[in-house]
N, C-alpha and C. Protein backbone atom coordinates (compact mmCIF):
# COMPACT_ATOMS: atom_id res chain seq x y z
N MET A 1 154.45 47.61 45.12
CA MET A 1 154.20 47.81 46.65
C MET A 1 154.44 49.20 47.02
N ALA A 2 153.62 49.75 47.81
CA ALA A 2 153.69 51.09 48.31
C ALA A 2 154.89 51.29 49.27
N LYS A 3 155.54 52.42 49.37
CA LYS A 3 156.59 52.75 50.23
C LYS A 3 156.03 53.42 51.33
N LYS A 4 155.14 52.58 52.29
CA LYS A 4 154.71 53.16 53.37
C LYS A 4 154.96 52.24 54.67
N CYS A 5 155.15 52.69 55.73
CA CYS A 5 155.33 51.93 56.88
C CYS A 5 153.98 51.04 57.22
N ASP A 6 154.15 49.70 57.53
CA ASP A 6 153.06 48.93 57.89
C ASP A 6 152.45 49.31 59.25
N MET A 7 153.30 49.89 60.08
CA MET A 7 152.75 50.18 61.34
C MET A 7 152.07 51.51 61.61
N CYS A 8 152.82 52.57 61.27
CA CYS A 8 152.10 53.98 61.39
C CYS A 8 151.58 54.34 60.23
N GLY A 9 151.99 53.92 58.89
CA GLY A 9 151.42 54.31 57.80
C GLY A 9 151.97 55.60 57.12
N ARG A 10 153.07 55.92 57.68
CA ARG A 10 153.85 57.20 57.07
C ARG A 10 154.36 56.79 55.93
N GLY A 11 154.42 57.87 54.88
CA GLY A 11 155.02 57.55 53.65
C GLY A 11 155.92 58.68 53.17
N SER A 12 156.03 58.79 51.91
CA SER A 12 157.14 60.02 51.42
C SER A 12 156.64 61.21 51.40
N THR A 13 157.41 62.13 51.59
CA THR A 13 157.07 63.49 51.52
C THR A 13 157.52 64.36 50.32
N LYS A 14 156.99 65.45 50.09
CA LYS A 14 157.65 66.28 49.04
C LYS A 14 158.61 67.32 49.52
N GLY A 15 159.62 67.60 48.81
CA GLY A 15 160.65 68.50 49.35
C GLY A 15 161.02 69.41 47.99
N ALA A 16 161.71 70.46 48.29
CA ALA A 16 162.15 71.14 46.99
C ALA A 16 163.67 71.54 47.09
N SER A 17 164.25 71.31 45.99
CA SER A 17 165.78 71.84 45.90
C SER A 17 165.77 73.07 45.34
N ARG A 18 166.46 74.08 45.88
CA ARG A 18 166.47 75.28 45.24
C ARG A 18 167.86 75.46 44.68
N SER A 19 167.85 76.08 43.45
CA SER A 19 169.07 76.59 42.87
C SER A 19 169.46 77.89 43.27
N HIS A 20 170.85 78.42 42.84
CA HIS A 20 171.15 79.72 43.20
C HIS A 20 170.15 80.66 42.60
N SER A 21 169.51 80.59 41.58
CA SER A 21 168.50 81.50 41.01
C SER A 21 167.00 81.26 41.60
N LYS A 22 166.96 80.53 42.59
CA LYS A 22 165.89 80.33 43.49
C LYS A 22 164.63 79.56 42.61
N ILE A 23 165.21 78.79 41.57
CA ILE A 23 164.14 77.94 40.99
C ILE A 23 163.83 76.76 41.73
N LYS A 24 162.69 76.54 41.99
CA LYS A 24 162.24 75.24 42.76
C LYS A 24 161.96 74.12 41.92
N THR A 25 162.57 73.10 42.46
CA THR A 25 162.45 71.74 41.80
C THR A 25 162.07 70.72 42.71
N LEU A 26 160.87 70.17 42.67
CA LEU A 26 160.14 69.34 43.54
C LEU A 26 160.95 68.01 43.44
N LYS A 27 161.18 67.50 44.75
CA LYS A 27 161.64 66.08 44.70
C LYS A 27 160.86 65.22 45.85
N ARG A 28 161.12 63.98 45.66
CA ARG A 28 160.36 63.16 46.61
C ARG A 28 161.30 62.53 47.76
N GLN A 29 161.09 62.74 48.96
CA GLN A 29 161.94 62.23 49.93
C GLN A 29 161.14 61.04 50.73
N ASN A 30 161.85 59.92 50.27
CA ASN A 30 161.22 58.58 50.86
C ASN A 30 161.76 58.33 52.20
N ILE A 31 161.08 57.61 52.97
CA ILE A 31 161.28 57.38 54.37
C ILE A 31 162.07 56.10 54.37
N ASN A 32 162.97 55.92 55.44
CA ASN A 32 163.85 54.89 55.65
C ASN A 32 163.12 53.54 56.08
N LEU A 33 162.72 52.77 55.14
CA LEU A 33 161.85 51.48 55.40
C LEU A 33 162.88 50.40 55.77
N GLN A 34 162.68 49.59 56.51
CA GLN A 34 163.51 48.22 56.80
C GLN A 34 162.51 46.93 56.71
N ASN A 35 162.88 45.96 56.18
CA ASN A 35 162.10 44.85 56.28
C ASN A 35 162.50 43.97 57.51
N ARG A 36 161.58 43.64 58.24
CA ARG A 36 161.94 43.02 59.67
C ARG A 36 160.80 41.87 59.90
N ASN A 37 161.18 40.84 60.49
CA ASN A 37 160.11 39.89 60.90
C ASN A 37 159.73 40.26 62.26
N VAL A 38 158.57 40.55 62.42
CA VAL A 38 157.70 40.95 63.75
C VAL A 38 156.88 39.95 64.12
N GLU A 39 156.80 38.98 64.98
CA GLU A 39 155.95 37.96 65.46
C GLU A 39 155.73 36.95 64.13
N GLY A 40 156.71 36.67 63.41
CA GLY A 40 156.66 35.58 62.59
C GLY A 40 156.10 36.27 61.06
N MET A 41 156.06 37.53 61.01
CA MET A 41 155.41 38.17 59.71
C MET A 41 156.37 39.22 59.19
N SER A 42 156.63 39.10 57.86
CA SER A 42 157.54 40.01 57.43
C SER A 42 156.86 41.34 57.10
N VAL A 43 157.34 42.46 57.76
CA VAL A 43 156.60 43.78 57.65
C VAL A 43 157.85 44.80 57.19
N LYS A 44 157.36 45.85 56.54
CA LYS A 44 158.01 47.04 56.29
C LYS A 44 157.93 48.05 57.35
N LEU A 45 158.94 48.37 58.17
CA LEU A 45 158.78 49.31 59.25
C LEU A 45 159.76 50.49 58.99
N CYS A 46 159.30 51.83 59.39
CA CYS A 46 160.30 52.84 59.29
C CYS A 46 161.20 52.77 60.48
N THR A 47 162.13 53.43 60.65
CA THR A 47 163.36 53.39 61.63
C THR A 47 162.74 53.87 62.98
N SER A 48 161.82 54.80 62.79
CA SER A 48 161.17 55.45 64.14
C SER A 48 160.43 54.45 64.72
N CYS A 49 159.79 53.53 63.97
CA CYS A 49 158.78 52.54 64.58
C CYS A 49 159.60 51.38 64.99
N LEU A 50 160.85 51.12 64.40
CA LEU A 50 161.78 50.11 64.99
C LEU A 50 162.17 50.40 66.35
N ARG A 51 162.52 51.67 66.52
CA ARG A 51 163.02 52.13 67.78
C ARG A 51 162.16 52.21 68.89
N THR A 52 160.74 52.22 68.66
CA THR A 52 159.86 52.31 69.69
C THR A 52 159.36 50.98 70.00
N LEU A 53 159.62 49.78 69.08
CA LEU A 53 159.43 48.45 69.38
C LEU A 53 160.45 48.04 70.35
N GLU A 54 161.59 48.40 70.40
CA GLU A 54 162.58 47.89 71.17
C GLU A 54 162.66 48.49 72.64
N LYS A 55 161.73 49.51 72.76
CA LYS A 55 161.61 50.14 74.15
C LYS A 55 160.89 49.17 75.03
N PRO A 56 161.17 49.06 76.24
CA PRO A 56 160.30 48.30 77.15
C PRO A 56 158.97 48.96 77.49
N LYS A 57 158.09 48.15 77.85
CA LYS A 57 156.61 48.81 78.29
C LYS A 57 156.80 49.68 79.67
N ARG A 58 156.31 50.83 79.65
CA ARG A 58 156.38 51.57 80.77
C ARG A 58 155.22 51.19 81.73
N VAL A 59 155.73 51.51 83.05
CA VAL A 59 154.77 51.33 84.16
C VAL A 59 154.46 52.62 84.80
N LYS A 60 153.26 53.00 84.88
CA LYS A 60 153.06 54.25 85.42
C LYS A 60 153.17 54.32 86.97
N ALA A 61 153.73 55.31 87.51
CA ALA A 61 153.97 55.55 89.01
C ALA A 61 152.79 55.98 89.65
N LYS A 62 152.80 55.53 90.92
CA LYS A 62 151.54 56.02 91.70
C LYS A 62 151.66 57.50 92.02
N ARG A 63 150.46 58.14 91.94
CA ARG A 63 150.47 59.65 92.34
C ARG A 63 150.61 59.91 93.78
N LYS A 64 151.21 61.05 94.09
CA LYS A 64 151.16 61.46 95.32
C LYS A 64 149.84 61.91 95.82
N PRO A 65 149.47 61.65 97.09
CA PRO A 65 148.09 62.08 97.53
C PRO A 65 148.03 63.65 97.68
N ALA A 66 146.86 64.15 97.41
CA ALA A 66 146.54 65.56 97.47
C ALA A 66 146.66 66.11 98.83
N LEU A 67 147.02 67.42 98.94
CA LEU A 67 147.19 68.08 100.14
C LEU A 67 145.69 68.08 100.84
N LYS A 68 145.75 67.94 102.18
CA LYS A 68 144.43 67.95 102.94
C LYS A 68 144.22 69.58 103.25
N GLU A 69 143.14 69.81 103.74
CA GLU A 69 142.75 71.18 104.22
C GLU A 69 143.56 71.71 105.41
N GLY A 70 144.11 72.87 105.12
CA GLY A 70 144.99 73.36 106.08
C GLY A 70 146.45 73.11 105.91
N GLU A 71 146.74 72.37 105.11
CA GLU A 71 148.20 71.88 104.93
C GLU A 71 148.82 72.76 103.89
N LYS A 72 150.06 73.09 103.99
CA LYS A 72 150.90 73.94 102.97
C LYS A 72 151.93 73.24 102.53
N LYS A 73 152.26 73.59 101.24
CA LYS A 73 153.58 72.93 100.77
C LYS A 73 154.72 73.48 101.34
N ALA A 74 155.59 72.74 101.70
CA ALA A 74 156.92 73.25 102.28
C ALA A 74 157.70 73.93 101.10
N PRO A 75 158.50 75.15 101.45
CA PRO A 75 159.27 75.73 100.40
C PRO A 75 160.46 74.89 100.11
N LYS A 76 160.80 74.85 99.07
CA LYS A 76 162.03 73.72 98.59
C LYS A 76 163.35 74.53 98.58
N THR A 77 163.41 75.79 98.28
CA THR A 77 164.73 76.40 98.15
C THR A 77 164.87 77.61 99.23
N ALA A 78 166.08 77.91 99.20
CA ALA A 78 166.30 79.14 100.13
C ALA A 78 165.66 80.43 99.61
N ARG A 79 165.36 80.47 98.50
CA ARG A 79 164.95 81.56 97.84
C ARG A 79 163.47 81.84 98.16
N THR A 80 162.86 80.70 97.96
CA THR A 80 161.37 80.61 98.40
C THR A 80 161.06 80.85 99.93
N LYS A 81 161.95 80.15 100.71
CA LYS A 81 162.09 80.70 102.19
C LYS A 81 162.11 82.17 102.36
N ALA A 82 163.14 82.85 101.85
CA ALA A 82 163.17 84.26 102.04
C ALA A 82 161.97 85.12 101.54
N LYS A 83 161.45 84.62 100.57
CA LYS A 83 160.23 85.23 100.06
C LYS A 83 159.01 85.27 101.13
N ALA A 84 158.95 83.99 101.59
CA ALA A 84 157.82 83.71 102.61
C ALA A 84 158.16 84.43 103.98
N LYS A 85 159.40 84.70 104.29
CA LYS A 85 159.74 85.45 105.43
C LYS A 85 159.42 86.87 105.31
N ALA A 86 159.63 87.36 104.05
CA ALA A 86 159.47 88.74 103.60
C ALA A 86 158.01 89.16 103.63
N LYS A 87 157.14 88.13 103.07
CA LYS A 87 155.59 88.32 103.22
C LYS A 87 155.03 88.42 104.46
N ALA A 88 155.75 87.73 105.55
CA ALA A 88 155.06 87.56 106.86
C ALA A 88 155.37 88.71 107.92
């Protein structure tokens, strides 16, 4: 069987171990696969996919309405207030 995540398809990567004389020896870095039952099926998942499965679904927040014509954004800090006074 392949050493790949069933959810994202991520597999092993190549890396190099270097000796003191800078000789490169290629090595294979496998991913951290875990066997889990998801919805009654046994699947191999990487640990990053396991973490995202445990997160709750996000709900998008409503956007603030855009500024109308003639409206200006209020300065938020004392520094921006000082700059606005200097320009006037």
